[in-house]
Amino acid sequence: MRVKTLMTKDPVVIQLPASREYALELFKKHKVRSFPVVNREGKLVGIISIKNILVNPDEDQLAMLIRRDVPTVKVNDDLKKAVRKILDSGYRRVVVVDDEGRPIGILTVGDIVRRYLSKNEKLREVSIEPYYQRNVSVVWRGTPLKAALKALLLCNAMAIPVIDDDGNLIGMVDETDLLHDSEVIRVIKQTSLSASSEEDWILEANPTLIFEKAELQLPKKPVEEIMNPNVVVATPHMSVYDVAQKMVKYEIEQLPVIRGEGELIGIVRDMDIIKVILGR
């Protein structure tokens, strides 16, 4: 199967120079997680994600926030090549470019799950058992939002399971949940200064530099108050086809894997199940 069969054509792009405010407006309008970024000639220079903008509130210039080592493919490349690039880079998409390096499409993990895995009935015979992750980062129901966001960023995931006092799964929280009630505020900071040499004059005994800085502020509430308690789950012996079907139906990228009445034993991501295409 070729990339052109599954890709989304004519993606919305952001042209440099551009500001974070402009990018945020596009994210709100199109409700996507990232955009290809191009120069004045229309050639791909990188990609910008909504997460990178939100966790760097003090940077206004978009050029400082883009990821430049973006995996690319051509329209006639085999799907396996695209999947291999996604898995090797750890990035959720490849940008489809023409011979001049201009973006003409984008192929995401979601596209592959929605347009291929969920429609391939041969995958009914393939269990998720080799693909789901056993080591799962979790947060306790009483974890403050700021700590939950830190945990989410450290585990490099888009969502994280929430557990109760007994360790049972009671919900999921993703980056959009955490950032929904957040706001960027301006705060005054100060730092101590030191002389650059013994000859420098110091006018104060303890000179300080006072400056204004933007910070992302989260409400002081536990993660339990904003989590999604209606969790869509998988069991260890479900098929890749069935998991892909659930991901498409509920528009989610990962499912907690449970045993019994809610014992969390792992998590299966869309990035995990596309490995089946390579036979990994």
Protein backbone atom coordinates (compact mmCIF):
# COMPACT_ATOMS: atom_id res chain seq x y z
CA MET A 1 0.00 0.00 0.00
CA ARG A 2 1.26 3.49 -0.89
CA VAL A 3 1.39 6.57 1.31
CA LYS A 4 -0.90 8.47 -1.05
CA THR A 5 -3.72 6.01 -0.32
CA LEU A 6 -3.90 6.92 3.38
CA MET A 7 -2.52 10.45 3.71
CA THR A 8 -4.51 13.61 4.31
CA LYS A 9 -3.96 15.91 1.33
CA ASP A 10 -3.24 19.66 1.32
CA PRO A 11 -2.55 20.14 5.05
CA VAL A 12 -2.87 23.57 6.65
CA VAL A 13 0.61 25.01 7.13
CA ILE A 14 2.12 27.91 9.06
CA GLN A 15 4.56 30.17 7.26
CA LEU A 16 7.46 31.78 9.09
CA PRO A 17 7.84 34.33 10.50
CA ALA A 18 4.81 33.83 12.75
CA SER A 19 3.83 34.40 16.37
CA ARG A 20 2.48 32.01 19.00
CA GLU A 21 -0.81 33.95 19.04
CA TYR A 22 -1.29 33.29 15.33
CA ALA A 23 -0.52 29.60 15.81
CA LEU A 24 -2.91 29.31 18.76
CA GLU A 25 -5.72 30.77 16.67
CA LEU A 26 -5.08 28.14 13.99
CA PHE A 27 -5.05 25.36 16.58
CA LYS A 28 -8.40 26.54 17.92
CA LYS A 29 -9.87 26.82 14.44
CA HIS A 30 -8.75 23.47 13.05
CA LYS A 31 -8.64 21.42 16.29
CA VAL A 32 -5.47 19.51 15.45
CA ARG A 33 -2.35 18.81 17.49
CA SER A 34 0.31 20.04 15.06
CA PHE A 35 1.00 21.91 11.82
CA PRO A 36 3.81 21.72 9.25
CA VAL A 37 5.86 24.93 9.20
CA VAL A 38 7.24 26.35 5.95
CA ASN A 39 9.50 29.20 4.88
CA ARG A 40 8.59 31.98 2.46
CA GLU A 41 9.32 29.66 -0.48
CA GLY A 42 6.82 27.15 0.87
CA LYS A 43 9.45 24.52 1.72
CA LEU A 44 9.14 22.47 4.88
CA VAL A 45 11.35 23.64 7.77
CA GLY A 46 9.72 21.82 10.69
CA ILE A 47 6.54 21.15 12.60
CA ILE A 48 4.88 22.86 15.57
CA SER A 49 2.78 21.10 18.20
CA ILE A 50 0.17 22.58 20.49
CA LYS A 51 1.93 21.02 23.49
CA ASN A 52 5.20 22.79 22.69
CA ILE A 53 3.42 26.14 22.51
CA LEU A 54 1.55 25.65 25.76
CA VAL A 55 4.50 24.49 27.83
CA ASN A 56 6.68 27.37 26.59
CA PRO A 57 4.44 30.38 27.31
CA ASP A 58 7.32 32.87 27.45
CA GLU A 59 8.46 32.30 23.86
CA ASP A 60 6.59 34.39 21.28
CA GLN A 61 8.60 33.57 18.17
CA LEU A 62 7.35 30.39 16.57
CA ALA A 63 10.72 29.70 14.95
CA MET A 64 12.12 28.96 18.42
CA LEU A 65 9.45 26.34 19.16
CA ILE A 66 9.33 24.20 16.04
CA ARG A 67 10.78 20.73 15.71
CA ARG A 68 13.08 20.72 12.69
CA ASP A 69 14.07 17.05 12.36
CA VAL A 70 10.73 16.04 10.90
CA PRO A 71 10.48 12.65 9.13
CA THR A 72 9.30 12.99 5.52
CA VAL A 73 8.11 10.65 2.79
CA LYS A 74 6.96 10.89 -0.83
CA VAL A 75 3.48 10.05 -2.14
CA ASN A 76 4.56 6.81 -3.82
CA ASP A 77 6.56 5.49 -0.88
CA ASP A 78 5.40 2.20 0.61
CA LEU A 79 3.36 2.40 3.83
CA LYS A 80 6.00 0.29 5.59
CA LYS A 81 8.59 3.01 4.97
CA ALA A 82 6.32 5.61 6.57
CA VAL A 83 5.58 3.39 9.57
CA ARG A 84 9.29 2.66 10.03
CA LYS A 85 10.06 6.39 10.07
CA ILE A 86 7.29 7.06 12.58
CA LEU A 87 8.52 4.34 14.92
CA ASP A 88 12.21 5.19 14.57
CA SER A 89 11.63 8.91 15.20
CA GLY A 90 9.04 8.46 17.94
CA TYR A 91 6.98 11.12 16.20
CA ARG A 92 3.29 10.61 15.48
CA ARG A 93 3.35 11.72 11.87
CA VAL A 94 5.34 12.01 8.68
CA VAL A 95 5.02 14.95 6.34
CA VAL A 96 4.51 14.07 2.68
CA VAL A 97 6.61 16.36 0.48
CA ASP A 98 7.05 16.85 -3.25
CA ASP A 99 10.40 16.85 -5.07
CA GLU A 100 11.02 20.48 -4.05
CA GLY A 101 10.41 19.79 -0.36
CA ARG A 102 6.98 21.43 -0.19
CA PRO A 103 4.39 19.70 2.06
CA ILE A 104 1.53 18.24 0.03
CA GLY A 105 0.12 15.88 2.63
CA ILE A 106 0.47 14.48 6.09
CA LEU A 107 0.20 10.91 7.33
CA THR A 108 -0.48 10.40 11.03
CA VAL A 109 -0.70 7.34 13.23
CA GLY A 110 -4.42 8.09 13.48
CA ASP A 111 -4.75 7.98 9.69
CA ILE A 112 -3.12 4.54 9.62
CA VAL A 113 -5.37 3.19 12.38
CA ARG A 114 -8.54 4.72 10.93
CA ARG A 115 -7.98 3.99 7.24
CA TYR A 116 -6.08 0.72 7.39
CA LEU A 117 -5.96 -1.23 10.68
CA SER A 118 -9.64 -0.76 11.55
CA LYS A 119 -10.64 -1.97 8.08
CA ASN A 120 -8.30 -4.95 7.79
CA GLU A 121 -10.31 -7.91 9.04
CA LYS A 122 -7.28 -10.20 8.82
CA LEU A 123 -6.15 -8.49 12.01
CA ARG A 124 -9.01 -10.12 13.91
CA GLU A 125 -6.60 -13.04 14.30
CA VAL A 126 -3.76 -10.94 15.72
CA SER A 127 -3.73 -10.42 19.49
CA ILE A 128 -2.55 -7.17 21.10
CA GLU A 129 -0.61 -9.27 23.64
CA PRO A 130 2.81 -8.70 21.98
CA TYR A 131 2.15 -4.99 21.52
CA TYR A 132 0.77 -3.44 24.68
CA GLN A 133 3.09 -1.83 27.23
CA ARG A 134 3.39 -3.34 30.69
CA ASN A 135 5.25 -0.45 32.33
CA VAL A 136 2.69 2.31 32.75
CA SER A 137 3.01 5.75 34.30
CA VAL A 138 0.01 6.61 36.49
CA VAL A 139 -1.17 9.39 38.78
CA TRP A 140 -3.14 9.07 42.00
CA ARG A 141 -6.63 10.60 42.14
CA GLY A 142 -5.48 13.33 44.57
CA THR A 143 -2.46 14.46 42.54
CA PRO A 144 -2.44 18.26 41.99
CA LEU A 145 -2.84 19.30 38.37
CA LYS A 146 0.62 20.84 38.15
CA ALA A 147 2.21 17.57 39.27
CA ALA A 148 -0.03 15.59 36.91
CA LEU A 149 1.08 17.74 33.97
CA LYS A 150 4.71 17.17 34.94
CA ALA A 151 4.12 13.41 35.07
CA LEU A 152 2.44 13.52 31.66
CA LEU A 153 5.36 15.40 30.11
CA LEU A 154 7.97 13.12 31.69
CA CYS A 155 6.35 9.96 30.36
CA ASN A 156 6.00 11.56 26.91
CA ALA A 157 2.37 10.51 26.56
CA MET A 158 -0.83 12.29 25.56
CA ALA A 159 -2.87 10.73 28.37
CA ILE A 160 -2.18 9.08 31.70
CA PRO A 161 -4.31 6.68 33.81
CA VAL A 162 -5.70 7.82 37.17
CA ILE A 163 -5.83 5.27 39.99
CA ASP A 164 -7.60 5.15 43.35
CA ASP A 165 -6.18 4.31 46.77
CA ASP A 166 -6.23 0.59 45.93
CA GLY A 167 -4.41 1.04 42.63
CA ASN A 168 -7.47 0.40 40.48
CA LEU A 169 -8.15 2.37 37.32
CA ILE A 170 -10.80 5.07 37.80
CA GLY A 171 -10.16 7.49 34.92
CA MET A 172 -7.89 8.98 32.29
CA VAL A 173 -6.56 12.51 31.94
CA ASP A 174 -4.94 13.94 28.81
CA GLU A 175 -3.08 17.11 27.94
CA THR A 176 -6.22 18.88 26.76
CA ASP A 177 -7.97 18.14 30.08
CA LEU A 178 -5.03 19.56 32.02
CA LEU A 179 -4.65 22.64 29.87
CA HIS A 180 -8.36 23.43 29.47
CA ASP A 181 -8.58 25.56 32.62
CA SER A 182 -5.02 26.87 32.49
CA GLU A 183 -4.01 30.43 31.75
CA VAL A 184 -0.81 32.25 30.91
CA ILE A 185 0.02 34.86 33.53
CA ARG A 186 2.77 37.47 33.82
CA VAL A 187 4.88 37.23 36.96
CA ILE A 188 7.74 39.32 38.31
CA LYS A 189 10.97 37.41 38.95
CA GLN A 190 14.29 38.49 40.37
CA THR A 191 17.76 36.99 40.30
CA SER A 192 21.05 37.87 41.95
CA LEU A 193 23.78 39.51 39.87
CA SER A 194 27.53 39.16 40.25
CA ALA A 195 30.37 41.29 38.97
CA SER A 196 32.18 40.06 35.87
CA SER A 197 35.61 41.03 37.23
CA GLU A 198 37.26 42.53 40.29
CA GLU A 199 37.34 45.94 38.54
CA ASP A 200 33.57 46.15 38.04
CA TRP A 201 31.78 48.63 40.26
CA ILE A 202 28.97 47.23 42.32
CA LEU A 203 26.47 49.87 43.36
CA GLU A 204 24.58 47.62 45.76
CA ALA A 205 25.71 45.06 48.26
CA ASN A 206 23.39 42.45 46.68
CA PRO A 207 22.44 43.64 43.18
CA THR A 208 19.42 41.94 41.59
CA LEU A 209 17.88 41.81 38.16
CA ILE A 210 14.10 42.15 38.10
CA PHE A 211 12.26 40.89 35.03
CA GLU A 212 8.80 39.88 33.84
CA LYS A 213 8.13 36.29 32.77
CA ALA A 214 5.15 34.39 31.38
CA GLU A 215 4.14 31.20 33.18
CA LEU A 216 1.45 28.60 32.69
CA GLN A 217 -0.83 28.55 35.71
CA LEU A 218 -3.05 25.57 36.54
CA PRO A 219 -5.98 25.58 38.99
CA LYS A 220 -5.22 24.21 42.46
CA LYS A 221 -7.42 21.13 42.29
CA PRO A 222 -6.82 17.36 42.25
CA VAL A 223 -6.67 15.50 38.97
CA GLU A 224 -9.79 13.55 39.98
CA GLU A 225 -11.90 16.68 39.38
CA ILE A 226 -10.98 16.99 35.71
CA MET A 227 -10.30 13.39 34.64
CA ASN A 228 -12.56 11.45 32.29
CA PRO A 229 -14.16 8.68 34.40
CA ASN A 230 -15.75 6.98 31.38
CA VAL A 231 -12.70 4.98 30.35
CA VAL A 232 -12.66 2.84 27.22
CA VAL A 233 -10.52 -0.20 28.01
CA ALA A 234 -8.95 -3.22 26.38
CA THR A 235 -8.26 -6.70 27.73
CA PRO A 236 -5.02 -8.64 27.13
CA HIS A 237 -6.44 -11.00 24.50
CA MET A 238 -8.30 -8.49 22.32
CA SER A 239 -7.30 -8.35 18.66
CA VAL A 240 -5.50 -5.51 16.92
CA TYR A 241 -8.59 -5.11 14.72
CA ASP A 242 -10.95 -4.72 17.69
CA VAL A 243 -8.66 -2.25 19.45
CA ALA A 244 -8.33 -0.20 16.25
CA GLN A 245 -12.12 -0.21 15.92
CA LYS A 246 -12.47 1.15 19.46
CA MET A 247 -9.87 3.84 18.85
CA VAL A 248 -11.73 5.00 15.77
CA LYS A 249 -15.18 4.86 17.37
CA TYR A 250 -14.21 6.84 20.47
CA GLU A 251 -11.55 9.02 18.81
CA ILE A 252 -8.81 8.07 21.27
CA GLU A 253 -5.16 7.15 20.83
CA GLN A 254 -4.65 4.70 23.69
CA LEU A 255 -6.57 2.25 25.84
CA PRO A 256 -5.69 1.05 29.33
CA VAL A 257 -5.39 -2.72 29.46
CA ILE A 258 -7.18 -4.21 32.46
CA ARG A 259 -7.76 -7.55 34.07
CA GLY A 260 -10.76 -8.46 36.20
CA GLU A 261 -12.79 -5.58 37.64
CA GLY A 262 -10.31 -2.81 36.91
CA GLU A 263 -6.81 -4.01 37.70
CA LEU A 264 -4.54 -1.98 35.44
CA ILE A 265 -1.89 -4.18 33.82
CA GLY A 266 -0.77 -2.09 30.85
CA ILE A 267 -1.67 0.33 28.11
CA VAL A 268 -1.99 -0.11 24.35
CA ARG A 269 -1.31 2.90 22.15
CA ASP A 270 -2.00 3.46 18.48
CA MET A 271 1.80 3.79 18.11
CA ASP A 272 2.09 0.24 19.45
CA ILE A 273 -0.38 -1.47 17.17
CA ILE A 274 0.98 0.01 13.91
CA LYS A 275 4.03 -2.21 14.55
CA VAL A 276 1.93 -5.05 13.19
CA ILE A 277 2.46 -3.59 9.69
CA LEU A 278 6.19 -4.27 10.00
CA GLY A 279 5.70 -7.62 11.70
CA ARG A 280 7.58 -6.40 14.78
